[in-house]
Amino acid sequence: MSDPVAEALRELRREYHAEAPARVAELERGLAALAAGEDGAETSLTMLFHRLAGSGGAYGFPQVSATARELERLLRSEPHWTPARLAEVQAGIQEIADAFNNGGPA
């Protein structure tokens, strides 16, 4: 007999995972806005990382949470966005994408 709670949790995880490409694309757009110096880009990207830091682990993606938390801290502490720092954020976004790709629905 199937456990309805466990099945509901699996379904929520599948839905969260299905939204991963859109979430990663949103991070990439945020990074592009930050690199272009758009007003509010830093705050917006910080909030995206903050949400992923909170939700990733809850849906079974602890590496997404850990990386997003690191990137959130970086954005909150970095006053100057050099190409090297922007590349660091880009690498973190790729880590998040890889964590989603490697942690598909169970």
C-alpha atoms as a PDB file:
ATOM      1  CA  MET A   1       0.000   0.000   0.000  1.00  0.00           C
ATOM      2  CA  SER A   2       1.297   3.430  -0.966  1.00  0.00           C
ATOM      3  CA  ASP A   3       1.981   6.108   1.640  1.00  0.00           C
ATOM      4  CA  PRO A   4      -0.067   9.165   0.540  1.00  0.00           C
ATOM      5  CA  VAL A   5       2.151  11.621   2.430  1.00  0.00           C
ATOM      6  CA  ALA A   6       5.327  10.217   0.914  1.00  0.00           C
ATOM      7  CA  GLU A   7       3.753  10.276  -2.543  1.00  0.00           C
ATOM      8  CA  ALA A   8       2.642  13.902  -2.070  1.00  0.00           C
ATOM      9  CA  LEU A   9       6.190  14.841  -1.055  1.00  0.00           C
ATOM     10  CA  ARG A  10       7.623  13.052  -4.103  1.00  0.00           C
ATOM     11  CA  GLU A  11       5.195  14.935  -6.330  1.00  0.00           C
ATOM     12  CA  LEU A  12       6.174  18.286  -4.779  1.00  0.00           C
ATOM     13  CA  ARG A  13       9.833  17.433  -5.330  1.00  0.00           C
ATOM     14  CA  ARG A  14       9.134  16.513  -8.976  1.00  0.00           C
ATOM     15  CA  GLU A  15       7.331  19.830  -9.487  1.00  0.00           C
ATOM     16  CA  TYR A  16      10.160  21.782  -7.852  1.00  0.00           C
ATOM     17  CA  HIS A  17      12.681  19.949 -10.029  1.00  0.00           C
ATOM     18  CA  ALA A  18      10.624  20.624 -13.164  1.00  0.00           C
ATOM     19  CA  GLU A  19      10.851  24.359 -12.412  1.00  0.00           C
ATOM     20  CA  ALA A  20      14.650  24.209 -12.117  1.00  0.00           C
ATOM     21  CA  PRO A  21      15.443  25.346 -15.690  1.00  0.00           C
ATOM     22  CA  ALA A  22      13.278  28.440 -15.244  1.00  0.00           C
ATOM     23  CA  ARG A  23      14.916  29.178 -11.890  1.00  0.00           C
ATOM     24  CA  VAL A  24      18.411  28.877 -13.380  1.00  0.00           C
ATOM     25  CA  ALA A  25      17.419  31.080 -16.330  1.00  0.00           C
ATOM     26  CA  GLU A  26      16.138  33.688 -13.884  1.00  0.00           C
ATOM     27  CA  LEU A  27      19.489  33.611 -12.052  1.00  0.00           C
ATOM     28  CA  GLU A  28      21.330  34.049 -15.343  1.00  0.00           C
ATOM     29  CA  ARG A  29      19.144  37.030 -16.273  1.00  0.00           C
ATOM     30  CA  GLY A  30      19.836  38.502 -12.850  1.00  0.00           C
ATOM     31  CA  LEU A  31      23.569  38.060 -13.324  1.00  0.00           C
ATOM     32  CA  ALA A  32      23.394  39.722 -16.752  1.00  0.00           C
ATOM     33  CA  ALA A  33      21.542  42.657 -15.193  1.00  0.00           C
ATOM     34  CA  LEU A  34      24.174  42.882 -12.449  1.00  0.00           C
ATOM     35  CA  ALA A  35      26.993  42.808 -15.019  1.00  0.00           C
ATOM     36  CA  ALA A  36      25.230  45.563 -16.980  1.00  0.00           C
ATOM     37  CA  GLY A  37      24.992  47.689 -13.839  1.00  0.00           C
ATOM     38  CA  GLU A  38      21.205  47.833 -13.851  1.00  0.00           C
ATOM     39  CA  ASP A  39      19.587  49.508 -10.848  1.00  0.00           C
ATOM     40  CA  GLY A  40      18.261  47.005  -8.341  1.00  0.00           C
ATOM     41  CA  ALA A  41      19.970  44.026  -9.995  1.00  0.00           C
ATOM     42  CA  GLU A  42      22.074  43.203  -6.954  1.00  0.00           C
ATOM     43  CA  THR A  43      19.057  43.241  -4.635  1.00  0.00           C
ATOM     44  CA  SER A  44      16.952  41.191  -7.023  1.00  0.00           C
ATOM     45  CA  LEU A  45      19.636  38.551  -7.532  1.00  0.00           C
ATOM     46  CA  THR A  46      20.309  38.406  -3.800  1.00  0.00           C
ATOM     47  CA  MET A  47      16.620  37.671  -3.181  1.00  0.00           C
ATOM     48  CA  LEU A  48      16.611  34.919  -5.814  1.00  0.00           C
ATOM     49  CA  PHE A  49      19.556  33.253  -4.084  1.00  0.00           C
ATOM     50  CA  HIS A  50      17.891  33.746  -0.702  1.00  0.00           C
ATOM     51  CA  ARG A  51      14.748  31.934  -1.868  1.00  0.00           C
ATOM     52  CA  LEU A  52      16.746  29.047  -3.320  1.00  0.00           C
ATOM     53  CA  ALA A  53      18.810  28.805  -0.136  1.00  0.00           C
ATOM     54  CA  GLY A  54      15.590  28.305   1.799  1.00  0.00           C
ATOM     55  CA  SER A  55      13.704  26.068  -0.587  1.00  0.00           C
ATOM     56  CA  GLY A  56      16.380  23.829  -2.119  1.00  0.00           C
ATOM     57  CA  GLY A  57      17.032  21.725   0.948  1.00  0.00           C
ATOM     58  CA  ALA A  58      13.362  21.538   1.818  1.00  0.00           C
ATOM     59  CA  TYR A  59      12.704  19.904  -1.552  1.00  0.00           C
ATOM     60  CA  GLY A  60      15.647  17.522  -1.377  1.00  0.00           C
ATOM     61  CA  PHE A  61      18.344  19.610  -3.057  1.00  0.00           C
ATOM     62  CA  PRO A  62      20.773  20.450  -0.235  1.00  0.00           C
ATOM     63  CA  GLN A  63      23.594  21.427  -2.599  1.00  0.00           C
ATOM     64  CA  VAL A  64      21.312  23.998  -4.245  1.00  0.00           C
ATOM     65  CA  SER A  65      20.682  25.507  -0.808  1.00  0.00           C
ATOM     66  CA  ALA A  66      24.356  25.499   0.163  1.00  0.00           C
ATOM     67  CA  THR A  67      25.542  27.126  -3.052  1.00  0.00           C
ATOM     68  CA  ALA A  68      22.720  29.663  -3.092  1.00  0.00           C
ATOM     69  CA  ARG A  69      23.507  30.590   0.509  1.00  0.00           C
ATOM     70  CA  GLU A  70      27.180  31.174  -0.382  1.00  0.00           C
ATOM     71  CA  LEU A  71      26.206  33.334  -3.346  1.00  0.00           C
ATOM     72  CA  GLU A  72      23.711  35.288  -1.277  1.00  0.00           C
ATOM     73  CA  ARG A  73      26.499  36.077   1.215  1.00  0.00           C
ATOM     74  CA  LEU A  74      28.807  37.107  -1.603  1.00  0.00           C
ATOM     75  CA  LEU A  75      26.247  39.480  -3.069  1.00  0.00           C
ATOM     76  CA  ARG A  76      25.545  41.020   0.322  1.00  0.00           C
ATOM     77  CA  SER A  77      29.257  41.621   0.963  1.00  0.00           C
ATOM     78  CA  GLU A  78      30.623  42.626  -2.440  1.00  0.00           C
ATOM     79  CA  PRO A  79      30.708  46.372  -3.124  1.00  0.00           C
ATOM     80  CA  HIS A  80      32.534  46.151  -6.498  1.00  0.00           C
ATOM     81  CA  TRP A  81      31.661  43.757  -9.287  1.00  0.00           C
ATOM     82  CA  THR A  82      34.854  42.903 -11.121  1.00  0.00           C
ATOM     83  CA  PRO A  83      34.865  40.437 -14.001  1.00  0.00           C
ATOM     84  CA  ALA A  84      36.443  37.872 -11.657  1.00  0.00           C
ATOM     85  CA  ARG A  85      33.667  38.293  -9.068  1.00  0.00           C
ATOM     86  CA  LEU A  86      31.002  38.078 -11.770  1.00  0.00           C
ATOM     87  CA  ALA A  87      32.663  34.885 -13.023  1.00  0.00           C
ATOM     88  CA  GLU A  88      32.499  33.523  -9.483  1.00  0.00           C
ATOM     89  CA  VAL A  89      28.739  34.131  -9.418  1.00  0.00           C
ATOM     90  CA  GLN A  90      28.407  32.535 -12.868  1.00  0.00           C
ATOM     91  CA  ALA A  91      30.286  29.468 -11.647  1.00  0.00           C
ATOM     92  CA  GLY A  92      27.957  29.266  -8.650  1.00  0.00           C
ATOM     93  CA  ILE A  93      24.908  29.437 -10.896  1.00  0.00           C
ATOM     94  CA  GLN A  94      26.384  26.561 -12.909  1.00  0.00           C
ATOM     95  CA  GLU A  95      26.863  24.607  -9.659  1.00  0.00           C
ATOM     96  CA  ILE A  96      23.181  25.137  -8.886  1.00  0.00           C
ATOM     97  CA  ALA A  97      22.197  23.974 -12.380  1.00  0.00           C
ATOM     98  CA  ASP A  98      24.419  20.894 -12.011  1.00  0.00           C
ATOM     99  CA  ALA A  99      22.936  20.118  -8.581  1.00  0.00           C
ATOM    100  CA  PHE A 100      19.450  20.202 -10.080  1.00  0.00           C
ATOM    101  CA  ASN A 101      20.553  18.049 -13.035  1.00  0.00           C
ATOM    102  CA  ASN A 102      22.249  15.491 -10.784  1.00  0.00           C
ATOM    103  CA  GLY A 103      19.444  15.326  -8.235  1.00  0.00           C
ATOM    104  CA  GLY A 104      16.428  14.519 -10.342  1.00  0.00           C
ATOM    105  CA  PRO A 105      13.152  13.202  -8.998  1.00  0.00           C
ATOM    106  CA  ALA A 106      13.266  10.013  -7.007  1.00  0.00           C
END
